[in-house]
Structures are given as structure tokens and as C-alpha cells.
Amino acid sequence: RNYTVRNFFRDSMSSGDLAFFYHSSCEVPGIVGVMEIVGDA
């Protein structure tokens, strides 16, 4: 629920793009893996 994030989803990402999965607000925050964007917004 943030307009900047909405715009990333809508305008900057494409199906097949890769993204890091980041665990936040936890004992050890950080990047835990990779995921792929599937389909359109």
C-alpha cells in the first residue's frame, strides 16, 4: 500500500524478472533467496 511500490509493480517489473527475497523485521534481516516475477501486474 505505497504508490512508489505500486508503480514498481505496474511499470518497472516484467514477467520473468528476478528479485531477491529479503526477510525484514526479524532477528537476522537479509536476503534469503531469489524469486521470479510471474505474469503481469
PDB file of all heavy atoms in Angstrom:
ATOM      1  N   ARG A   1       0.835  -1.202   0.000  1.00  0.00           N
ATOM      2  CA  ARG A   1       0.000   0.000   0.000  1.00  0.00           C
ATOM      3  C   ARG A   1       0.870   1.252   0.000  1.00  0.00           C
ATOM      4  O   ARG A   1       0.807   2.093   0.883  1.00  0.00           O
ATOM      5  CB  ARG A   1      -0.945  -0.006   1.209  1.00  0.00           C
ATOM      6  CG  ARG A   1      -1.937  -1.150   1.212  1.00  0.00           C
ATOM      7  CD  ARG A   1      -2.903  -1.066   0.039  1.00  0.00           C
ATOM      8  NE  ARG A   1      -3.880  -2.138   0.057  1.00  0.00           N
ATOM      9  CZ  ARG A   1      -3.780  -3.268  -0.632  1.00  0.00           C
ATOM     10  NH1 ARG A   1      -2.710  -3.490  -1.385  1.00  0.00           N
ATOM     11  NH2 ARG A   1      -4.728  -4.178  -0.581  1.00  0.00           N
ATOM     12  N   ASN A   2       1.680   1.355  -1.022  1.00  0.00           N
ATOM     13  CA  ASN A   2       2.562   2.502  -1.214  1.00  0.00           C
ATOM     14  C   ASN A   2       2.570   2.781  -2.701  1.00  0.00           C
ATOM     15  O   ASN A   2       2.732   1.866  -3.515  1.00  0.00           O
ATOM     16  CB  ASN A   2       3.961   2.150  -0.698  1.00  0.00           C
ATOM     17  CG  ASN A   2       4.960   3.258  -0.938  1.00  0.00           C
ATOM     18  OD1 ASN A   2       5.411   3.443  -2.062  1.00  0.00           O
ATOM     19  ND2 ASN A   2       5.314   3.981   0.103  1.00  0.00           N
ATOM     20  N   TYR A   3       2.399   4.042  -3.086  1.00  0.00           N
ATOM     21  CA  TYR A   3       2.305   4.373  -4.508  1.00  0.00           C
ATOM     22  C   TYR A   3       3.596   4.102  -5.264  1.00  0.00           C
ATOM     23  O   TYR A   3       3.566   3.693  -6.423  1.00  0.00           O
ATOM     24  CB  TYR A   3       1.860   5.830  -4.692  1.00  0.00           C
ATOM     25  CG  TYR A   3       0.410   6.022  -4.338  1.00  0.00           C
ATOM     26  CD1 TYR A   3       0.040   6.648  -3.151  1.00  0.00           C
ATOM     27  CD2 TYR A   3      -0.587   5.545  -5.170  1.00  0.00           C
ATOM     28  CE1 TYR A   3      -1.301   6.805  -2.811  1.00  0.00           C
ATOM     29  CE2 TYR A   3      -1.929   5.692  -4.849  1.00  0.00           C
ATOM     30  CZ  TYR A   3      -2.273   6.326  -3.672  1.00  0.00           C
ATOM     31  OH  TYR A   3      -3.599   6.464  -3.342  1.00  0.00           O
ATOM     32  N   THR A   4       4.741   4.290  -4.632  1.00  0.00           N
ATOM     33  CA  THR A   4       6.011   4.001  -5.293  1.00  0.00           C
ATOM     34  C   THR A   4       6.113   2.512  -5.594  1.00  0.00           C
ATOM     35  O   THR A   4       6.503   2.115  -6.700  1.00  0.00           O
ATOM     36  CB  THR A   4       7.195   4.477  -4.436  1.00  0.00           C
ATOM     37  OG1 THR A   4       7.079   5.888  -4.239  1.00  0.00           O
ATOM     38  CG2 THR A   4       8.517   4.158  -5.094  1.00  0.00           C
ATOM     39  N   VAL A   5       5.749   1.683  -4.619  1.00  0.00           N
ATOM     40  CA  VAL A   5       5.774   0.235  -4.822  1.00  0.00           C
ATOM     41  C   VAL A   5       4.762  -0.156  -5.895  1.00  0.00           C
ATOM     42  O   VAL A   5       5.052  -0.967  -6.783  1.00  0.00           O
ATOM     43  CB  VAL A   5       5.517  -0.515  -3.498  1.00  0.00           C
ATOM     44  CG1 VAL A   5       5.322  -2.000  -3.748  1.00  0.00           C
ATOM     45  CG2 VAL A   5       6.662  -0.279  -2.535  1.00  0.00           C
ATOM     46  N   ARG A   6       3.569   0.416  -5.836  1.00  0.00           N
ATOM     47  CA  ARG A   6       2.564   0.140  -6.869  1.00  0.00           C
ATOM     48  C   ARG A   6       3.117   0.438  -8.255  1.00  0.00           C
ATOM     49  O   ARG A   6       2.953  -0.336  -9.202  1.00  0.00           O
ATOM     50  CB  ARG A   6       1.307   0.967  -6.629  1.00  0.00           C
ATOM     51  CG  ARG A   6       0.220   0.625  -7.628  1.00  0.00           C
ATOM     52  CD  ARG A   6      -0.600   1.731  -8.204  1.00  0.00           C
ATOM     53  NE  ARG A   6       0.034   2.979  -8.474  1.00  0.00           N
ATOM     54  CZ  ARG A   6      -0.613   4.136  -8.420  1.00  0.00           C
ATOM     55  NH1 ARG A   6      -1.872   4.177  -8.046  1.00  0.00           N
ATOM     56  NH2 ARG A   6      -0.001   5.247  -8.719  1.00  0.00           N
ATOM     57  N   ASN A   7       3.824   1.569  -8.377  1.00  0.00           N
ATOM     58  CA  ASN A   7       4.384   1.944  -9.669  1.00  0.00           C
ATOM     59  C   ASN A   7       5.487   0.979 -10.106  1.00  0.00           C
ATOM     60  O   ASN A   7       5.595   0.676 -11.296  1.00  0.00           O
ATOM     61  CB  ASN A   7       4.897   3.381  -9.632  1.00  0.00           C
ATOM     62  CG  ASN A   7       3.769   4.378  -9.437  1.00  0.00           C
ATOM     63  OD1 ASN A   7       2.590   4.052  -9.570  1.00  0.00           O
ATOM     64  ND2 ASN A   7       4.130   5.595  -9.085  1.00  0.00           N
ATOM     65  N   PHE A   8       6.306   0.498  -9.161  1.00  0.00           N
ATOM     66  CA  PHE A   8       7.304  -0.529  -9.499  1.00  0.00           C
ATOM     67  C   PHE A   8       6.594  -1.755 -10.064  1.00  0.00           C
ATOM     68  O   PHE A   8       6.980  -2.287 -11.102  1.00  0.00           O
ATOM     69  CB  PHE A   8       8.127  -0.949  -8.281  1.00  0.00           C
ATOM     70  CG  PHE A   8       9.139   0.041  -7.786  1.00  0.00           C
ATOM     71  CD1 PHE A   8       9.472   0.070  -6.446  1.00  0.00           C
ATOM     72  CD2 PHE A   8       9.787   0.925  -8.638  1.00  0.00           C
ATOM     73  CE1 PHE A   8      10.416   0.958  -5.956  1.00  0.00           C
ATOM     74  CE2 PHE A   8      10.727   1.823  -8.163  1.00  0.00           C
ATOM     75  CZ  PHE A   8      11.038   1.837  -6.820  1.00  0.00           C
ATOM     76  N   PHE A   9       5.586  -2.223  -9.356  1.00  0.00           N
ATOM     77  CA  PHE A   9       4.838  -3.408  -9.805  1.00  0.00           C
ATOM     78  C   PHE A   9       4.254  -3.191 -11.200  1.00  0.00           C
ATOM     79  O   PHE A   9       4.353  -4.054 -12.064  1.00  0.00           O
ATOM     80  CB  PHE A   9       3.688  -3.726  -8.843  1.00  0.00           C
ATOM     81  CG  PHE A   9       4.067  -4.479  -7.603  1.00  0.00           C
ATOM     82  CD1 PHE A   9       3.153  -4.602  -6.573  1.00  0.00           C
ATOM     83  CD2 PHE A   9       5.296  -5.074  -7.441  1.00  0.00           C
ATOM     84  CE1 PHE A   9       3.451  -5.316  -5.415  1.00  0.00           C
ATOM     85  CE2 PHE A   9       5.618  -5.789  -6.291  1.00  0.00           C
ATOM     86  CZ  PHE A   9       4.690  -5.901  -5.276  1.00  0.00           C
ATOM     87  N   ARG A  10       3.625  -2.056 -11.378  1.00  0.00           N
ATOM     88  CA  ARG A  10       2.881  -1.778 -12.606  1.00  0.00           C
ATOM     89  C   ARG A  10       3.786  -1.440 -13.782  1.00  0.00           C
ATOM     90  O   ARG A  10       3.562  -1.914 -14.900  1.00  0.00           O
ATOM     91  CB  ARG A  10       1.917  -0.611 -12.332  1.00  0.00           C
ATOM     92  CG  ARG A  10       0.945  -0.306 -13.441  1.00  0.00           C
ATOM     93  CD  ARG A  10       0.180   0.965 -13.180  1.00  0.00           C
ATOM     94  NE  ARG A  10       1.112   2.094 -13.161  1.00  0.00           N
ATOM     95  CZ  ARG A  10       0.865   3.253 -12.567  1.00  0.00           C
ATOM     96  NH1 ARG A  10      -0.274   3.447 -11.938  1.00  0.00           N
ATOM     97  NH2 ARG A  10       1.742   4.220 -12.588  1.00  0.00           N
ATOM     98  N   ASP A  11       4.836  -0.623 -13.527  1.00  0.00           N
ATOM     99  CA  ASP A  11       5.591  -0.022 -14.628  1.00  0.00           C
ATOM    100  C   ASP A  11       7.012  -0.550 -14.811  1.00  0.00           C
ATOM    101  O   ASP A  11       7.577  -0.398 -15.891  1.00  0.00           O
ATOM    102  CB  ASP A  11       5.683   1.499 -14.429  1.00  0.00           C
ATOM    103  CG  ASP A  11       4.332   2.151 -14.266  1.00  0.00           C
ATOM    104  OD1 ASP A  11       3.344   1.639 -14.828  1.00  0.00           O
ATOM    105  OD2 ASP A  11       4.246   3.171 -13.551  1.00  0.00           O
ATOM    106  N   SER A  12       7.601  -1.116 -13.776  1.00  0.00           N
ATOM    107  CA  SER A  12       9.032  -1.440 -13.845  1.00  0.00           C
ATOM    108  C   SER A  12       9.336  -2.932 -13.862  1.00  0.00           C
ATOM    109  O   SER A  12      10.468  -3.309 -14.147  1.00  0.00           O
ATOM    110  CB  SER A  12       9.764  -0.809 -12.654  1.00  0.00           C
ATOM    111  OG  SER A  12       9.611   0.588 -12.677  1.00  0.00           O
ATOM    112  N   MET A  13       8.367  -3.763 -13.542  1.00  0.00           N
ATOM    113  CA  MET A  13       8.605  -5.206 -13.496  1.00  0.00           C
ATOM    114  C   MET A  13       7.969  -5.865 -14.706  1.00  0.00           C
ATOM    115  O   MET A  13       6.944  -5.416 -15.197  1.00  0.00           O
ATOM    116  CB  MET A  13       8.009  -5.815 -12.234  1.00  0.00           C
ATOM    117  CG  MET A  13       8.691  -5.414 -10.976  1.00  0.00           C
ATOM    118  SD  MET A  13       7.871  -6.236  -9.583  1.00  0.00           S
ATOM    119  CE  MET A  13       8.995  -5.809  -8.284  1.00  0.00           C
ATOM    120  N   SER A  14       8.595  -6.952 -15.122  1.00  0.00           N
ATOM    121  CA  SER A  14       8.066  -7.762 -16.220  1.00  0.00           C
ATOM    122  C   SER A  14       8.094  -9.225 -15.820  1.00  0.00           C
ATOM    123  O   SER A  14       8.932  -9.642 -15.014  1.00  0.00           O
ATOM    124  CB  SER A  14       8.919  -7.579 -17.483  1.00  0.00           C
ATOM    125  OG  SER A  14       8.896  -6.250 -17.908  1.00  0.00           O
ATOM    126  N   SER A  15       7.207  -9.990 -16.413  1.00  0.00           N
ATOM    127  CA  SER A  15       7.224 -11.422 -16.189  1.00  0.00           C
ATOM    128  C   SER A  15       8.592 -11.962 -16.582  1.00  0.00           C
ATOM    129  O   SER A  15       9.142 -11.586 -17.619  1.00  0.00           O
ATOM    130  CB  SER A  15       6.127 -12.085 -17.020  1.00  0.00           C
ATOM    131  OG  SER A  15       6.006 -13.445 -16.696  1.00  0.00           O
ATOM    132  N   GLY A  16       9.149 -12.790 -15.719  1.00  0.00           N
ATOM    133  CA  GLY A  16      10.479 -13.345 -15.951  1.00  0.00           C
ATOM    134  C   GLY A  16      11.587 -12.605 -15.230  1.00  0.00           C
ATOM    135  O   GLY A  16      12.696 -13.133 -15.103  1.00  0.00           O
ATOM    136  N   ASP A  17      11.321 -11.389 -14.751  1.00  0.00           N
ATOM    137  CA  ASP A  17      12.324 -10.667 -13.960  1.00  0.00           C
ATOM    138  C   ASP A  17      12.600 -11.443 -12.681  1.00  0.00           C
ATOM    139  O   ASP A  17      11.719 -12.134 -12.150  1.00  0.00           O
ATOM    140  CB  ASP A  17      11.830  -9.263 -13.576  1.00  0.00           C
ATOM    141  CG  ASP A  17      11.862  -8.269 -14.718  1.00  0.00           C
ATOM    142  OD1 ASP A  17      12.437  -8.583 -15.787  1.00  0.00           O
ATOM    143  OD2 ASP A  17      11.306  -7.169 -14.540  1.00  0.00           O
ATOM    144  N   LEU A  18      13.819 -11.302 -12.186  1.00  0.00           N
ATOM    145  CA  LEU A  18      14.197 -11.926 -10.926  1.00  0.00           C
ATOM    146  C   LEU A  18      14.250 -10.878  -9.825  1.00  0.00           C
ATOM    147  O   LEU A  18      14.524  -9.707 -10.091  1.00  0.00           O
ATOM    148  CB  LEU A  18      15.554 -12.620 -11.066  1.00  0.00           C
ATOM    149  CG  LEU A  18      15.612 -13.747 -12.086  1.00  0.00           C
ATOM    150  CD1 LEU A  18      17.031 -14.316 -12.164  1.00  0.00           C
ATOM    151  CD2 LEU A  18      14.617 -14.846 -11.771  1.00  0.00           C
ATOM    152  N   ALA A  19      14.002 -11.320  -8.602  1.00  0.00           N
ATOM    153  CA  ALA A  19      14.025 -10.433  -7.441  1.00  0.00           C
ATOM    154  C   ALA A  19      14.638 -11.168  -6.262  1.00  0.00           C
ATOM    155  O   ALA A  19      14.467 -12.381  -6.126  1.00  0.00           O
ATOM    156  CB  ALA A  19      12.605  -9.988  -7.083  1.00  0.00           C
ATOM    157  N   PHE A  20      15.333 -10.429  -5.426  1.00  0.00           N
ATOM    158  CA  PHE A  20      15.789 -11.006  -4.169  1.00  0.00           C
ATOM    159  C   PHE A  20      14.611 -11.078  -3.204  1.00  0.00           C
ATOM    160  O   PHE A  20      13.776 -10.183  -3.163  1.00  0.00           O
ATOM    161  CB  PHE A  20      16.891 -10.145  -3.535  1.00  0.00           C
ATOM    162  CG  PHE A  20      18.211 -10.205  -4.242  1.00  0.00           C
ATOM    163  CD1 PHE A  20      18.829  -9.045  -4.669  1.00  0.00           C
ATOM    164  CD2 PHE A  20      18.848 -11.418  -4.480  1.00  0.00           C
ATOM    165  CE1 PHE A  20      20.050  -9.084  -5.310  1.00  0.00           C
ATOM    166  CE2 PHE A  20      20.067 -11.470  -5.124  1.00  0.00           C
ATOM    167  CZ  PHE A  20      20.674 -10.300  -5.546  1.00  0.00           C
ATOM    168  N   PHE A  21      14.576 -12.138  -2.415  1.00  0.00           N
ATOM    169  CA  PHE A  21      13.614 -12.266  -1.318  1.00  0.00           C
ATOM    170  C   PHE A  21      14.377 -11.857  -0.066  1.00  0.00           C
ATOM    171  O   PHE A  21      15.367 -12.479   0.299  1.00  0.00           O
ATOM    172  CB  PHE A  21      13.121 -13.706  -1.204  1.00  0.00           C
ATOM    173  CG  PHE A  21      11.902 -13.880  -0.330  1.00  0.00           C
ATOM    174  CD1 PHE A  21      10.788 -14.540  -0.811  1.00  0.00           C
ATOM    175  CD2 PHE A  21      11.866 -13.409   0.980  1.00  0.00           C
ATOM    176  CE1 PHE A  21       9.662 -14.727  -0.011  1.00  0.00           C
ATOM    177  CE2 PHE A  21      10.759 -13.580   1.780  1.00  0.00           C
ATOM    178  CZ  PHE A  21       9.637 -14.251   1.281  1.00  0.00           C
ATOM    179  N   TYR A  22      13.909 -10.800   0.594  1.00  0.00           N
ATOM    180  CA  TYR A  22      14.576 -10.221   1.754  1.00  0.00           C
ATOM    181  C   TYR A  22      13.681 -10.390   2.969  1.00  0.00           C
ATOM    182  O   TYR A  22      12.526  -9.944   2.959  1.00  0.00           O
ATOM    183  CB  TYR A  22      14.839  -8.735   1.479  1.00  0.00           C
ATOM    184  CG  TYR A  22      15.603  -8.006   2.547  1.00  0.00           C
ATOM    185  CD1 TYR A  22      16.973  -7.768   2.418  1.00  0.00           C
ATOM    186  CD2 TYR A  22      14.967  -7.517   3.687  1.00  0.00           C
ATOM    187  CE1 TYR A  22      17.675  -7.082   3.388  1.00  0.00           C
ATOM    188  CE2 TYR A  22      15.670  -6.833   4.668  1.00  0.00           C
ATOM    189  CZ  TYR A  22      17.017  -6.621   4.508  1.00  0.00           C
ATOM    190  OH  TYR A  22      17.715  -5.938   5.486  1.00  0.00           O
ATOM    191  N   HIS A  23      14.190 -11.040   4.011  1.00  0.00           N
ATOM    192  CA  HIS A  23      13.460 -11.128   5.283  1.00  0.00           C
ATOM    193  C   HIS A  23      13.733  -9.859   6.086  1.00  0.00           C
ATOM    194  O   HIS A  23      14.888  -9.519   6.335  1.00  0.00           O
ATOM    195  CB  HIS A  23      13.908 -12.342   6.095  1.00  0.00           C
ATOM    196  CG  HIS A  23      13.293 -13.621   5.653  1.00  0.00           C
ATOM    197  ND1 HIS A  23      13.689 -14.836   6.167  1.00  0.00           N
ATOM    198  CD2 HIS A  23      12.304 -13.914   4.775  1.00  0.00           C
ATOM    199  CE1 HIS A  23      12.978 -15.807   5.614  1.00  0.00           C
ATOM    200  NE2 HIS A  23      12.133 -15.270   4.763  1.00  0.00           N
ATOM    201  N   SER A  24      12.671  -9.184   6.495  1.00  0.00           N
ATOM    202  CA  SER A  24      12.806  -7.931   7.244  1.00  0.00           C
ATOM    203  C   SER A  24      12.160  -8.058   8.615  1.00  0.00           C
ATOM    204  O   SER A  24      11.407  -8.995   8.875  1.00  0.00           O
ATOM    205  CB  SER A  24      12.174  -6.776   6.460  1.00  0.00           C
ATOM    206  OG  SER A  24      10.780  -6.975   6.335  1.00  0.00           O
ATOM    207  N   SER A  25      12.454  -7.086   9.461  1.00  0.00           N
ATOM    208  CA  SER A  25      11.855  -7.007  10.798  1.00  0.00           C
ATOM    209  C   SER A  25      11.942  -8.341  11.533  1.00  0.00           C
ATOM    210  O   SER A  25      10.949  -8.849  12.063  1.00  0.00           O
ATOM    211  CB  SER A  25      10.404  -6.542  10.716  1.00  0.00           C
ATOM    212  OG  SER A  25      10.331  -5.264  10.131  1.00  0.00           O
ATOM    213  N   CYS A  26      13.140  -8.893  11.553  1.00  0.00           N
ATOM    214  CA  CYS A  26      13.362 -10.171  12.213  1.00  0.00           C
ATOM    215  C   CYS A  26      14.732 -10.145  12.878  1.00  0.00           C
ATOM    216  O   CYS A  26      15.462  -9.159  12.764  1.00  0.00           O
ATOM    217  CB  CYS A  26      13.266 -11.330  11.215  1.00  0.00           C
ATOM    218  SG  CYS A  26      14.383 -11.211   9.817  1.00  0.00           S
ATOM    219  N   GLU A  27      15.070 -11.211  13.572  1.00  0.00           N
ATOM    220  CA  GLU A  27      16.329 -11.253  14.309  1.00  0.00           C
ATOM    221  C   GLU A  27      17.547 -11.042  13.406  1.00  0.00           C
ATOM    222  O   GLU A  27      18.481 -10.328  13.767  1.00  0.00           O
ATOM    223  CB  GLU A  27      16.452 -12.591  15.049  1.00  0.00           C
ATOM    224  CG  GLU A  27      17.630 -12.627  15.999  1.00  0.00           C
ATOM    225  CD  GLU A  27      17.652 -13.908  16.819  1.00  0.00           C
ATOM    226  OE1 GLU A  27      16.572 -14.459  17.113  1.00  0.00           O
ATOM    227  OE2 GLU A  27      18.768 -14.340  17.170  1.00  0.00           O
ATOM    228  N   VAL A  28      17.527 -11.668  12.228  1.00  0.00           N
ATOM    229  CA  VAL A  28      18.648 -11.528  11.283  1.00  0.00           C
ATOM    230  C   VAL A  28      18.080 -11.133   9.919  1.00  0.00           C
ATOM    231  O   VAL A  28      17.811 -11.994   9.075  1.00  0.00           O
ATOM    232  CB  VAL A  28      19.458 -12.840  11.169  1.00  0.00           C
ATOM    233  CG1 VAL A  28      20.638 -12.654  10.223  1.00  0.00           C
ATOM    234  CG2 VAL A  28      19.936 -13.310  12.538  1.00  0.00           C
ATOM    235  N   PRO A  29      17.879  -9.832   9.691  1.00  0.00           N
ATOM    236  CA  PRO A  29      17.352  -9.419   8.396  1.00  0.00           C
ATOM    237  C   PRO A  29      18.388  -9.612   7.292  1.00  0.00           C
ATOM    238  O   PRO A  29      19.590  -9.479   7.523  1.00  0.00           O
ATOM    239  CB  PRO A  29      17.026  -7.935   8.592  1.00  0.00           C
ATOM    240  CG  PRO A  29      17.831  -7.499   9.762  1.00  0.00           C
ATOM    241  CD  PRO A  29      18.087  -8.707  10.599  1.00  0.00           C
ATOM    242  N   GLY A  30      17.885  -9.936   6.101  1.00  0.00           N
ATOM    243  CA  GLY A  30      18.791 -10.070   4.969  1.00  0.00           C
ATOM    244  C   GLY A  30      18.161 -10.816   3.814  1.00  0.00           C
ATOM    245  O   GLY A  30      17.000 -11.250   3.868  1.00  0.00           O
ATOM    246  N   ILE A  31      18.946 -10.992   2.763  1.00  0.00           N
ATOM    247  CA  ILE A  31      18.499 -11.665   1.549  1.00  0.00           C
ATOM    248  C   ILE A  31      18.593 -13.174   1.760  1.00  0.00           C
ATOM    249  O   ILE A  31      19.640 -13.689   2.146  1.00  0.00           O
ATOM    250  CB  ILE A  31      19.342 -11.233   0.342  1.00  0.00           C
ATOM    251  CG1 ILE A  31      19.205  -9.719   0.114  1.00  0.00           C
ATOM    252  CG2 ILE A  31      18.943 -12.008  -0.908  1.00  0.00           C
ATOM    253  CD1 ILE A  31      20.171  -9.156  -0.923  1.00  0.00           C
ATOM    254  N   VAL A  32      17.494 -13.867   1.490  1.00  0.00           N
ATOM    255  CA  VAL A  32      17.432 -15.304   1.747  1.00  0.00           C
ATOM    256  C   VAL A  32      17.250 -16.134   0.479  1.00  0.00           C
ATOM    257  O   VAL A  32      17.258 -17.360   0.541  1.00  0.00           O
ATOM    258  CB  VAL A  32      16.337 -15.634   2.778  1.00  0.00           C
ATOM    259  CG1 VAL A  32      16.701 -15.068   4.147  1.00  0.00           C
ATOM    260  CG2 VAL A  32      14.976 -15.127   2.321  1.00  0.00           C
ATOM    261  N   GLY A  33      17.083 -15.482  -0.653  1.00  0.00           N
ATOM    262  CA  GLY A  33      16.919 -16.236  -1.888  1.00  0.00           C
ATOM    263  C   GLY A  33      16.509 -15.369  -3.048  1.00  0.00           C
ATOM    264  O   GLY A  33      16.547 -14.141  -2.983  1.00  0.00           O
ATOM    265  N   VAL A  34      16.120 -16.062  -4.113  1.00  0.00           N
ATOM    266  CA  VAL A  34      15.741 -15.407  -5.370  1.00  0.00           C
ATOM    267  C   VAL A  34      14.375 -15.929  -5.794  1.00  0.00           C
ATOM    268  O   VAL A  34      14.083 -17.127  -5.663  1.00  0.00           O
ATOM    269  CB  VAL A  34      16.782 -15.708  -6.475  1.00  0.00           C
ATOM    270  CG1 VAL A  34      16.343 -15.128  -7.812  1.00  0.00           C
ATOM    271  CG2 VAL A  34      18.156 -15.182  -6.086  1.00  0.00           C
ATOM    272  N   MET A  35      13.551 -15.040  -6.311  1.00  0.00           N
ATOM    273  CA  MET A  35      12.257 -15.423  -6.863  1.00  0.00           C
ATOM    274  C   MET A  35      12.080 -14.778  -8.218  1.00  0.00           C
ATOM    275  O   MET A  35      12.807 -13.845  -8.581  1.00  0.00           O
ATOM    276  CB  MET A  35      11.129 -15.065  -5.906  1.00  0.00           C
ATOM    277  CG  MET A  35      11.070 -13.645  -5.473  1.00  0.00           C
ATOM    278  SD  MET A  35       9.897 -13.483  -4.112  1.00  0.00           S
ATOM    279  CE  MET A  35      10.215 -11.796  -3.656  1.00  0.00           C
ATOM    280  N   GLU A  36      11.121 -15.288  -8.964  1.00  0.00           N
ATOM    281  CA  GLU A  36      10.837 -14.806 -10.313  1.00  0.00           C
ATOM    282  C   GLU A  36       9.454 -14.176 -10.349  1.00  0.00           C
ATOM    283  O   GLU A  36       8.509 -14.699  -9.753  1.00  0.00           O
ATOM    284  CB  GLU A  36      10.896 -15.971 -11.304  1.00  0.00           C
ATOM    285  CG  GLU A  36      10.580 -15.578 -12.720  1.00  0.00           C
ATOM    286  CD  GLU A  36      10.564 -16.757 -13.679  1.00  0.00           C
ATOM    287  OE1 GLU A  36      10.667 -17.919 -13.227  1.00  0.00           O
ATOM    288  OE2 GLU A  36      10.439 -16.519 -14.886  1.00  0.00           O
ATOM    289  N   ILE A  37       9.340 -13.074 -11.072  1.00  0.00           N
ATOM    290  CA  ILE A  37       8.045 -12.446 -11.312  1.00  0.00           C
ATOM    291  C   ILE A  37       7.327 -13.281 -12.372  1.00  0.00           C
ATOM    292  O   ILE A  37       7.907 -13.608 -13.416  1.00  0.00           O
ATOM    293  CB  ILE A  37       8.215 -10.990 -11.803  1.00  0.00           C
ATOM    294  CG1 ILE A  37       9.094 -10.168 -10.843  1.00  0.00           C
ATOM    295  CG2 ILE A  37       6.854 -10.332 -12.036  1.00  0.00           C
ATOM    296  CD1 ILE A  37       8.629 -10.128  -9.417  1.00  0.00           C
ATOM    297  N   VAL A  38       6.063 -13.629 -12.099  1.00  0.00           N
ATOM    298  CA  VAL A  38       5.290 -14.475 -12.996  1.00  0.00           C
ATOM    299  C   VAL A  38       4.044 -13.717 -13.444  1.00  0.00           C
ATOM    300  O   VAL A  38       3.207 -13.356 -12.614  1.00  0.00           O
ATOM    301  CB  VAL A  38       4.876 -15.789 -12.288  1.00  0.00           C
ATOM    302  CG1 VAL A  38       4.039 -16.662 -13.215  1.00  0.00           C
ATOM    303  CG2 VAL A  38       6.106 -16.540 -11.788  1.00  0.00           C
ATOM    304  N   GLY A  39       3.936 -13.455 -14.725  1.00  0.00           N
ATOM    305  CA  GLY A  39       2.746 -12.796 -15.263  1.00  0.00           C
ATOM    306  C   GLY A  39       2.776 -11.292 -15.094  1.00  0.00           C
ATOM    307  O   GLY A  39       3.753 -10.700 -14.637  1.00  0.00           O
ATOM    308  N   ASP A  40       1.670 -10.688 -15.479  1.00  0.00           N
ATOM    309  CA  ASP A  40       1.520  -9.235 -15.436  1.00  0.00           C
ATOM    310  C   ASP A  40       0.976  -8.782 -14.089  1.00  0.00           C
ATOM    311  O   ASP A  40       0.397  -9.577 -13.338  1.00  0.00           O
ATOM    312  CB  ASP A  40       0.547  -8.779 -16.534  1.00  0.00           C
ATOM    313  CG  ASP A  40       1.096  -9.029 -17.938  1.00  0.00           C
ATOM    314  OD1 ASP A  40       2.330  -8.981 -18.115  1.00  0.00           O
ATOM    315  OD2 ASP A  40       0.282  -9.281 -18.849  1.00  0.00           O
ATOM    316  N   ALA A  41       1.129  -7.491 -13.813  1.00  0.00           N
ATOM    317  CA  ALA A  41       0.506  -6.898 -12.629  1.00  0.00           C
ATOM    318  C   ALA A  41      -1.016  -6.956 -12.807  1.00  0.00           C
ATOM    319  O   ALA A  41      -1.522  -6.841 -13.925  1.00  0.00           O
ATOM    320  CB  ALA A  41       0.963  -5.455 -12.461  1.00  0.00           C
TER     321      ALA A  41
END
